[in-house]
Amino acid sequence: MPTYQSLSIVSPPTDSSATGVPVLDLGPRGLTLYPPASMSSGGLLMATQIPVEMIVTTAPTAGSYYVWTCRVGLWQVQSVTWSQAGGSAAATIDVGVAAQTVAPASATSQLTGVMNVGTGGTTNSDTLGTLIASPTVIAPGTRLVVTFGSTTTALVGVVTIWIGRLS
């Protein structure tokens, strides 16, 4: 059986050269995305936002957790949502950005205040965080951090952080 070192996806050609534009490569170093400047190539629309999700299936220990590390490009938090499936008493969630040399507990918050979640067992509810006026630009090596505080007993749900690519 042959071994393949990489896989490249190329957009359809937009001129008579019969050569498309590289869209992404999957190789030994991981996935590399090549979005065109206009974020569209030959009718192929490229995503400018991606969701980063942390699924909470059991009550987390209060503290800070890394959920994503930027590898390429410049990104920025665009929204934060908590979708609750199980309750807790007065739990809080914060989302921050931390450089490689910064401990997760010292991340720069991207919200104007912590999100109050776990409202006494309310299920199937969503909480939308309020972003700071100028969210931090996330550069390669920078990490997203989710911090749980207060009482996390029986807290179950999904933290969704939408990030948008700046370049």
Protein backbone atom coordinates (compact mmCIF):
# COMPACT_ATOMS: atom_id res chain seq x y z
CA MET A 1 0.00 0.00 0.00
CA PRO A 2 1.50 3.38 -0.99
CA THR A 3 2.18 6.04 1.63
CA TYR A 4 1.07 9.58 0.84
CA GLN A 5 3.05 12.46 2.30
CA SER A 6 0.50 15.20 1.68
CA LEU A 7 -2.84 16.08 0.16
CA SER A 8 -3.51 19.38 -1.63
CA ILE A 9 -6.86 20.83 -2.60
CA VAL A 10 -6.76 23.35 -5.45
CA SER A 11 -9.57 25.66 -6.57
CA PRO A 12 -10.79 25.56 -10.17
CA PRO A 13 -8.75 27.71 -12.58
CA THR A 14 -10.09 31.22 -13.13
CA ASP A 15 -8.18 31.89 -16.37
CA SER A 16 -6.83 30.02 -19.40
CA SER A 17 -3.73 28.73 -17.56
CA ALA A 18 -5.55 25.58 -16.38
CA THR A 19 -3.84 26.09 -13.01
CA GLY A 20 -5.93 26.55 -9.90
CA VAL A 21 -5.03 28.30 -6.68
CA PRO A 22 -4.00 26.20 -3.64
CA VAL A 23 -6.80 26.21 -1.08
CA LEU A 24 -5.39 23.88 1.58
CA ASP A 25 -2.66 21.31 2.19
CA LEU A 26 -2.79 18.39 4.60
CA GLY A 27 0.73 17.19 5.23
CA PRO A 28 3.15 16.05 7.92
CA ARG A 29 2.97 19.46 9.65
CA GLY A 30 -0.82 19.52 9.77
CA LEU A 31 -3.47 21.48 7.91
CA THR A 32 -2.52 24.70 6.11
CA LEU A 33 -5.24 26.98 4.75
CA TYR A 34 -4.48 29.43 1.93
CA PRO A 35 -7.41 31.87 1.81
CA PRO A 36 -7.27 34.29 -1.13
CA ALA A 37 -7.19 38.00 -0.32
CA SER A 38 -10.85 38.37 -1.24
CA MET A 39 -11.73 35.17 0.70
CA SER A 40 -13.21 33.78 -2.52
CA SER A 41 -11.53 31.94 -5.36
CA GLY A 42 -13.27 30.72 -8.50
CA GLY A 43 -16.63 30.69 -6.77
CA LEU A 44 -15.25 28.78 -3.75
CA LEU A 45 -16.07 30.76 -0.61
CA MET A 46 -13.61 30.49 2.24
CA ALA A 47 -14.67 30.59 5.89
CA THR A 48 -13.72 33.80 7.66
CA GLN A 49 -15.01 32.55 11.02
CA ILE A 50 -14.60 29.30 12.87
CA PRO A 51 -16.16 28.06 16.11
CA VAL A 52 -13.93 26.81 18.91
CA GLU A 53 -16.00 24.65 21.23
CA MET A 54 -15.38 23.24 24.68
CA ILE A 55 -17.90 20.53 25.49
CA VAL A 56 -18.49 20.15 29.22
CA THR A 57 -19.91 16.70 30.00
CA THR A 58 -19.11 16.67 33.71
CA ALA A 59 -18.67 19.52 36.14
CA PRO A 60 -15.19 20.99 35.55
CA THR A 61 -12.92 21.90 38.40
CA ALA A 62 -12.88 25.67 38.82
CA GLY A 63 -9.83 26.98 36.96
CA SER A 64 -8.47 27.94 33.54
CA TYR A 65 -8.16 25.64 30.53
CA TYR A 66 -6.49 26.09 27.14
CA VAL A 67 -8.96 25.38 24.30
CA TRP A 68 -7.14 26.53 21.13
CA THR A 69 -3.68 27.65 20.03
CA CYS A 70 -3.24 29.85 16.97
CA ARG A 71 -0.80 28.32 14.48
CA VAL A 72 -1.14 30.67 11.49
CA GLY A 73 -2.77 34.01 10.69
CA LEU A 74 -4.25 36.71 12.87
CA TRP A 75 -7.59 36.08 14.58
CA GLN A 76 -9.97 37.84 16.98
CA VAL A 77 -12.80 36.68 19.25
CA GLN A 78 -16.15 37.68 17.71
CA SER A 79 -18.67 36.12 20.11
CA VAL A 80 -18.92 33.79 23.09
CA THR A 81 -21.95 31.64 23.97
CA TRP A 82 -22.69 29.16 26.73
CA SER A 83 -25.38 26.59 25.84
CA GLN A 84 -26.48 24.94 29.06
CA ALA A 85 -27.69 21.37 29.32
CA GLY A 86 -27.37 20.93 33.09
CA GLY A 87 -27.48 23.36 35.99
CA SER A 88 -25.31 24.49 38.82
CA ALA A 89 -25.55 27.20 41.42
CA ALA A 90 -24.02 30.52 40.33
CA ALA A 91 -21.17 29.26 38.15
CA THR A 92 -19.20 31.73 36.01
CA ILE A 93 -17.32 31.47 32.71
CA ASP A 94 -14.71 33.84 31.29
CA VAL A 95 -12.84 33.65 27.97
CA GLY A 96 -9.35 35.07 27.64
CA VAL A 97 -6.32 35.28 25.38
CA ALA A 98 -2.86 34.33 26.65
CA ALA A 99 0.54 34.65 24.99
CA GLN A 100 2.83 31.60 25.12
CA THR A 101 4.64 32.92 28.18
CA VAL A 102 1.47 33.75 30.14
CA ALA A 103 -0.18 31.29 32.53
CA PRO A 104 -3.81 30.49 31.62
CA ALA A 105 -5.08 32.07 34.86
CA SER A 106 -3.50 35.40 33.77
CA ALA A 107 -5.13 35.52 30.31
CA THR A 108 -6.54 38.85 29.11
CA SER A 109 -10.32 38.63 29.34
CA GLN A 110 -12.23 39.19 26.12
CA LEU A 111 -15.50 39.84 27.97
CA THR A 112 -16.67 42.94 29.83
CA GLY A 113 -17.50 40.68 32.78
CA VAL A 114 -17.78 36.98 33.51
CA MET A 115 -20.79 35.13 32.16
CA ASN A 116 -23.13 34.03 34.95
CA VAL A 117 -24.26 30.51 34.11
CA GLY A 118 -25.61 27.52 35.97
CA THR A 119 -28.71 29.33 37.14
CA GLY A 120 -29.98 26.82 39.63
CA GLY A 121 -30.55 23.95 37.21
CA THR A 122 -32.01 25.81 34.23
CA THR A 123 -31.49 23.58 31.20
CA ASN A 124 -31.64 24.24 27.46
CA SER A 125 -30.72 27.89 27.90
CA ASP A 126 -28.10 30.06 26.19
CA THR A 127 -26.01 32.86 27.66
CA LEU A 128 -24.27 35.33 25.34
CA GLY A 129 -21.13 37.03 26.60
CA THR A 130 -20.51 40.75 26.06
CA LEU A 131 -17.19 41.39 24.29
CA ILE A 132 -14.76 44.12 25.28
CA ALA A 133 -14.61 47.10 22.90
CA SER A 134 -11.31 46.00 21.28
CA PRO A 135 -10.79 42.24 21.51
CA THR A 136 -7.14 41.14 21.53
CA VAL A 137 -5.57 40.15 18.19
CA ILE A 138 -4.60 36.48 18.40
CA ALA A 139 -1.25 35.84 16.68
CA PRO A 140 0.61 32.54 16.13
CA GLY A 141 1.46 30.95 19.47
CA THR A 142 -1.30 32.81 21.32
CA ARG A 143 -3.92 30.68 23.07
CA LEU A 144 -7.61 30.91 23.92
CA VAL A 145 -8.46 30.16 27.54
CA VAL A 146 -11.78 29.29 29.20
CA THR A 147 -11.98 29.94 32.95
CA PHE A 148 -14.66 28.37 35.16
CA GLY A 149 -15.33 30.00 38.51
CA SER A 150 -17.60 29.69 41.51
CA THR A 151 -19.61 26.49 41.98
CA THR A 152 -19.48 24.20 38.94
CA THR A 153 -21.51 21.36 40.46
CA ALA A 154 -23.49 19.53 37.75
CA LEU A 155 -22.50 22.15 35.14
CA VAL A 156 -22.97 20.59 31.67
CA GLY A 157 -23.07 22.33 28.28
CA VAL A 158 -20.97 23.83 25.50
CA VAL A 159 -18.82 26.97 25.43
CA THR A 160 -18.69 28.23 21.81
CA ILE A 161 -16.14 30.90 20.92
CA TRP A 162 -16.46 32.27 17.38
CA ILE A 163 -13.17 33.63 16.11
CA GLY A 164 -12.71 35.59 12.91
CA ARG A 165 -9.64 35.64 10.72
CA LEU A 166 -8.15 39.09 10.23
CA SER A 167 -5.36 38.00 7.88
